[in-house]
Protein backbone atom coordinates (compact mmCIF):
# COMPACT_ATOMS: atom_id res chain seq x y z
CA UNK A 1 117.43 272.22 124.55
CA UNK A 2 115.69 268.88 124.02
CA UNK A 3 111.92 268.67 124.56
CA UNK A 4 110.15 265.33 124.77
CA UNK A 5 107.24 263.58 126.49
CA UNK A 6 107.42 262.37 130.07
CA UNK A 7 107.95 258.62 130.46
CA UNK A 8 107.62 256.34 133.47
CA UNK A 9 111.40 256.30 133.74
CA UNK A 10 111.30 260.05 134.45
CA UNK A 11 109.18 259.90 137.61
CA UNK A 12 112.13 260.02 140.01
CA UNK A 13 113.71 262.96 138.20
CA UNK A 14 110.46 264.93 137.95
CA UNK A 15 109.75 264.30 141.64
CA UNK A 16 113.24 265.51 142.56
CA UNK A 17 112.79 268.67 140.48
CA UNK A 18 109.43 269.40 142.12
CA UNK A 19 110.73 268.62 145.62
CA UNK A 20 113.76 270.88 145.21
CA UNK A 21 111.56 273.73 144.01
CA UNK A 22 109.09 273.26 146.88
CA UNK A 23 111.91 273.11 149.42
CA UNK A 24 113.34 276.40 148.15
CA UNK A 25 109.95 278.13 148.23
CA UNK A 26 108.82 276.86 151.64
CA UNK A 27 112.14 276.77 153.44
CA UNK A 28 111.65 273.19 154.68
CA UNK A 29 112.37 269.76 153.21
CA UNK A 30 109.76 268.56 150.73
CA UNK A 31 108.22 265.10 151.04
CA UNK A 32 107.25 264.79 147.37
CA UNK A 33 108.16 261.57 145.60
CA UNK A 34 107.44 259.57 142.43
CA UNK A 35 104.05 258.48 143.75
CA UNK A 36 102.95 262.12 143.85
CA UNK A 37 104.00 262.67 140.24
CA UNK A 38 102.13 259.58 139.08
CA UNK A 39 99.07 260.87 140.92
CA UNK A 40 99.32 264.28 139.24
CA UNK A 41 99.48 262.65 135.81
CA UNK A 42 96.56 260.24 136.30
CA UNK A 43 94.36 261.93 133.70
CA UNK A 44 97.09 263.23 131.42
CA UNK A 45 97.80 261.79 127.97
CA UNK A 46 101.52 261.91 128.72
CA UNK A 47 102.53 260.82 125.22
CA UNK A 48 100.85 263.80 123.59
CA UNK A 49 100.23 266.34 126.35
CA UNK A 50 103.41 266.45 128.43
CA UNK A 51 106.72 268.21 127.90
CA UNK A 52 110.03 267.48 129.57
CA UNK A 53 112.78 270.04 128.93
CA UNK A 54 116.38 268.84 129.04
CA UNK A 55 119.54 270.87 128.58
CA UNK A 56 122.81 268.98 128.14
CA UNK A 57 121.04 265.92 129.50
CA UNK A 58 119.83 267.72 132.64
CA UNK A 59 116.15 268.19 133.48
CA UNK A 60 115.40 271.92 133.68
CA UNK A 61 111.59 272.09 133.38
CA UNK A 62 108.47 270.00 132.98
CA UNK A 63 104.82 270.64 132.15
CA UNK A 64 101.63 268.80 131.27
CA UNK A 65 98.12 269.51 130.00
CA UNK A 66 94.63 268.07 130.53
CA UNK A 67 91.21 268.84 129.09
CA UNK A 68 88.07 268.66 131.28
CA UNK A 69 84.92 269.49 129.31
CA UNK A 70 85.49 273.09 128.13
CA UNK A 71 88.39 273.69 130.55
CA UNK A 72 92.04 273.33 129.65
CA UNK A 73 94.47 272.89 132.55
CA UNK A 74 98.25 273.01 132.44
CA UNK A 75 100.87 272.79 135.16
CA UNK A 76 104.57 273.55 134.88
CA UNK A 77 107.67 273.52 137.06
CA UNK A 78 110.99 275.19 136.29
CA UNK A 79 114.06 273.90 138.09
CA UNK A 80 115.93 276.01 140.61
CA UNK A 81 118.90 277.47 138.73
CA UNK A 82 116.99 277.57 135.45
CA UNK A 83 114.49 280.28 136.39
CA UNK A 84 114.54 283.69 134.71
CA UNK A 85 115.55 282.28 131.33
CA UNK A 86 112.16 282.23 129.64
CA UNK A 87 111.19 278.62 130.36
CA UNK A 88 108.18 279.73 132.40
CA UNK A 89 106.97 281.87 129.50
CA UNK A 90 107.41 278.95 127.14
CA UNK A 91 105.38 276.68 129.43
CA UNK A 92 102.55 279.20 129.69
CA UNK A 93 102.48 279.81 125.95
CA UNK A 94 102.54 276.08 125.18
CA UNK A 95 99.78 275.35 127.69
CA UNK A 96 97.54 278.09 126.33
CA UNK A 97 98.23 277.02 122.74
CA UNK A 98 97.31 273.42 123.50
CA UNK A 99 94.09 274.57 125.19
CA UNK A 100 93.14 276.52 122.06
CA UNK A 101 94.01 273.56 119.84
CA UNK A 102 91.71 271.33 121.90
CA UNK A 103 88.82 273.81 121.71
CA UNK A 104 88.81 274.89 125.36
CA UNK A 105 86.75 277.98 126.25
CA UNK A 106 89.09 278.82 129.13
CA UNK A 107 92.40 277.70 130.54
CA UNK A 108 93.69 277.39 134.09
CA UNK A 109 97.09 276.87 135.63
CA UNK A 110 98.17 276.03 139.16
CA UNK A 111 101.14 277.13 141.25
CA UNK A 112 102.38 277.50 144.81
CA UNK A 113 101.22 280.67 146.52
CA UNK A 114 104.76 281.50 147.62
CA UNK A 115 105.99 281.49 144.03
CA UNK A 116 105.40 285.19 143.45
CA UNK A 117 107.39 285.21 140.20
CA UNK A 118 105.08 282.59 138.68
CA UNK A 119 102.02 284.54 139.82
CA UNK A 120 103.38 287.71 138.22
CA UNK A 121 104.02 285.82 134.98
CA UNK A 122 100.45 284.50 134.87
CA UNK A 123 99.03 287.98 135.40
CA UNK A 124 101.23 289.43 132.64
CA UNK A 125 99.89 286.72 130.34
CA UNK A 126 96.29 287.75 131.06
CA UNK A 127 95.41 285.25 133.79
CA UNK A 128 93.56 286.19 136.99
CA UNK A 129 93.67 284.53 140.41
CA UNK A 130 90.41 282.60 140.88
CA UNK A 131 90.93 280.14 143.74
CA UNK A 132 93.16 279.13 146.62
CA UNK A 133 93.71 275.63 148.00
CA UNK A 134 95.35 274.43 151.21
CA UNK A 135 97.52 271.38 151.79
CA UNK A 136 96.74 270.15 155.30
CA UNK A 137 98.50 267.51 157.39
CA UNK A 138 98.46 265.72 160.71
CA UNK A 139 101.23 263.81 162.49
CA UNK A 140 99.54 261.10 164.53
CA UNK A 141 100.90 260.18 167.95
CA UNK A 142 98.32 257.44 168.52
CA UNK A 143 95.39 255.83 166.76
CA UNK A 144 92.32 258.03 167.34
CA UNK A 145 89.05 256.61 168.59
CA UNK A 146 86.24 256.54 166.05
CA UNK A 147 83.11 258.16 167.51
CA UNK A 148 79.88 256.15 167.63
CA UNK A 149 77.52 256.67 164.72
CA UNK A 150 73.82 257.53 164.97
CA UNK A 151 71.48 254.56 165.35
CA UNK A 152 71.07 252.64 162.11
CA UNK A 153 74.40 253.75 160.60
CA UNK A 154 77.34 251.43 159.94
CA UNK A 155 80.93 252.14 158.87
CA UNK A 156 82.62 249.54 156.69
CA UNK A 157 85.37 249.01 154.15
CA UNK A 158 84.53 249.07 150.46
CA UNK A 159 83.44 245.85 148.80
CA UNK A 160 83.94 245.59 145.05
CA UNK A 161 80.22 245.19 144.44
CA UNK A 162 79.66 248.59 146.09
CA UNK A 163 82.01 250.43 143.72
CA UNK A 164 79.21 251.97 141.64
CA UNK A 165 77.06 253.30 144.54
CA UNK A 166 80.29 254.43 146.24
CA UNK A 167 81.12 256.49 143.15
CA UNK A 168 77.57 257.80 142.78
CA UNK A 169 77.57 259.04 146.37
CA UNK A 170 80.97 260.68 145.93
CA UNK A 171 80.06 262.28 142.62
CA UNK A 172 76.77 263.63 143.99
CA UNK A 173 78.53 265.07 147.04
CA UNK A 174 81.11 266.80 144.83
CA UNK A 175 78.49 268.60 142.77
CA UNK A 176 79.00 271.36 145.35
CA UNK A 177 82.75 271.43 144.72
CA UNK A 178 84.31 274.17 142.62
CA UNK A 179 85.17 272.97 139.10
CA UNK A 180 83.94 269.42 139.65
CA UNK A 181 83.70 267.59 136.32
CA UNK A 182 81.75 264.33 136.43
CA UNK A 183 82.91 261.37 134.37
CA UNK A 184 81.18 258.05 133.63
CA UNK A 185 81.48 255.39 136.32
CA UNK A 186 83.11 252.85 134.02
CA UNK A 187 85.90 255.29 133.13
CA UNK A 188 86.37 256.29 136.76
CA UNK A 189 86.52 252.69 138.02
CA UNK A 190 88.95 251.62 135.28
CA UNK A 191 91.13 254.63 136.07
CA UNK A 192 91.24 253.82 139.77
CA UNK A 193 91.91 250.10 139.28
CA UNK A 194 94.88 250.68 136.99
CA UNK A 195 96.44 253.31 139.27
CA UNK A 196 99.86 252.28 140.58
CA UNK A 197 98.71 252.66 144.19
CA UNK A 198 95.16 251.24 143.97
CA UNK A 199 94.25 249.92 147.43
CA UNK A 200 90.49 249.62 148.06
CA UNK A 201 91.16 248.41 151.62
CA UNK A 202 91.76 252.10 152.32
CA UNK A 203 88.32 253.10 151.04
CA UNK A 204 85.49 253.34 153.60
CA UNK A 205 81.80 254.09 153.51
CA UNK A 206 78.95 254.72 155.93
CA UNK A 207 75.51 253.25 155.34
CA UNK A 208 72.19 254.41 156.66
CA UNK A 209 70.35 251.14 156.45
CA UNK A 210 70.88 250.02 152.86
CA UNK A 211 71.81 253.49 151.49
CA UNK A 212 75.36 254.80 151.28
CA UNK A 213 75.44 258.16 153.03
CA UNK A 214 79.14 259.05 153.05
CA UNK A 215 82.39 257.81 151.54
CA UNK A 216 86.12 258.37 151.77
CA UNK A 217 88.80 257.31 149.28
CA UNK A 218 92.39 257.18 150.50
CA UNK A 219 95.74 256.53 148.85
CA UNK A 220 98.68 254.83 150.58
CA UNK A 221 101.60 257.08 149.62
CA UNK A 222 101.42 260.77 148.81
CA UNK A 223 103.42 263.70 150.19
CA UNK A 224 105.34 261.52 152.58
CA UNK A 225 102.43 259.60 154.13
CA UNK A 226 98.84 258.53 153.74
CA UNK A 227 96.56 260.70 151.65
CA UNK A 228 92.84 261.51 151.80
CA UNK A 229 92.06 261.74 148.09
CA UNK A 230 88.30 262.38 148.40
CA UNK A 231 85.72 262.67 151.17
CA UNK A 232 82.04 263.12 150.43
CA UNK A 233 78.85 263.19 152.49
CA UNK A 234 75.56 263.15 150.58
CA UNK A 235 73.40 266.20 151.23
CA UNK A 236 70.59 264.49 153.20
CA UNK A 237 73.11 263.20 155.76
CA UNK A 238 75.27 266.27 156.34
CA UNK A 239 75.65 267.63 159.83
CA UNK A 240 75.60 264.21 161.51
CA UNK A 241 79.34 263.80 162.05
CA UNK A 242 79.79 261.25 159.26
CA UNK A 243 82.72 263.05 157.63
CA UNK A 244 84.50 263.27 160.97
CA UNK A 245 83.95 259.57 161.63
CA UNK A 246 85.39 258.64 158.23
CA UNK A 247 88.44 260.83 158.77
CA UNK A 248 89.15 259.33 162.19
CA UNK A 249 88.66 255.81 160.81
CA UNK A 250 91.16 256.70 158.09
CA UNK A 251 93.69 258.02 160.60
CA UNK A 252 93.32 254.87 162.70
CA UNK A 253 93.83 252.65 159.64
CA UNK A 254 96.96 254.46 158.52
CA UNK A 255 98.37 254.41 162.05
CA UNK A 256 97.77 250.66 162.28
CA UNK A 257 99.89 250.30 159.12
CA UNK A 258 102.76 252.26 160.61
CA UNK A 259 101.90 255.50 158.80
CA UNK A 260 101.68 258.45 161.20
CA UNK A 261 101.47 261.26 158.65
CA UNK A 262 98.24 261.94 156.73
CA UNK A 263 97.63 264.81 154.29
CA UNK A 264 94.91 266.16 152.04
CA UNK A 265 94.09 269.11 149.82
CA UNK A 266 91.08 271.37 150.39
CA UNK A 267 89.42 274.29 148.65
CA UNK A 268 89.94 277.35 150.86
CA UNK A 269 86.41 278.46 149.96
CA UNK A 270 84.73 275.08 150.33
CA UNK A 271 80.96 275.64 150.61
CA UNK A 272 80.65 272.71 153.04
CA UNK A 273 83.12 274.18 155.55
CA UNK A 274 85.60 271.38 154.98
CA UNK A 275 88.58 273.32 156.31
CA UNK A 276 86.96 273.67 159.74
CA UNK A 277 86.23 269.93 159.79
CA UNK A 278 89.86 269.09 159.10
CA UNK A 279 91.07 271.52 161.74
CA UNK A 280 88.67 269.96 164.25
CA UNK A 281 90.42 266.58 163.91
CA UNK A 282 93.87 268.11 164.38
CA UNK A 283 95.00 268.85 160.83
CA UNK A 284 97.01 271.99 160.13
CA UNK A 285 97.74 273.93 156.95
CA UNK A 286 101.22 273.26 155.54
CA UNK A 287 101.10 275.25 152.32
CA UNK A 288 98.78 276.95 149.86
CA UNK A 289 98.33 276.64 146.13
CA UNK A 290 96.68 279.11 143.77
CA UNK A 291 94.71 278.70 140.55
CA UNK A 292 94.82 281.28 137.77
CA UNK A 293 92.36 281.39 134.86
CA UNK A 294 92.13 283.02 131.44
CA UNK A 295 89.15 283.12 129.07
CA UNK A 296 89.95 282.08 125.51
CA UNK A 297 88.14 284.18 122.93
């Protein structure tokens, strides 16, 4: 068994491993690709905090770790045909050990809800289920109409000079989100600009006069189509249909680019009722993921 860090040259292989596993668990073809893997690893120090397991030159498992304030987070995938051999245990033990090394007070891991074996492993290792997330999708048959906004509101594409207030609005809106960890604007903006799929023409905002009231950040290629990476409406402007307008504007933009599939991820217990909003514009749940947590004494 050879264990090494993930490199950019591994993205295709890691995506294929993840897609094969998802296909087996869900009973339908997966749409995961290299762009998804790069997105997952955005905030990972891959040189020091990722592990790729090879046996006789064949990829059999992969995992990675991140630290967010006092929270350690690791994710792992074991290839079909390599399960039941202790690789999952090794991934969990390595993830927890790295969290302790980095001084985390608690550690979380994420898996697909249908992967009962992984869930059982986490529980045996002292983890408890703490949250559920849905992957939702829509297949567009036409470009939707964007509803009119209240008087004084305007919907527009992001301009570079609005990057900071765009971020501030998004960060403030996500203070309600479970496990949101704010980072400095400069770090956030640098991270987004160096992303392989950075496309600010897919970012939109709504102004109320001179103030930014709502924002949406989209990515061009995730899970087989366009992806809504973040949608936020500032508290004073909630309940006015701004989130719906931004979603429909996003759908129309993707459709105009020849992309008919759009997906997103949502907290099943979102305090803002996000799941109902997404259902109201025609999105449906495709799968569910689960988060397990363990306190580190």
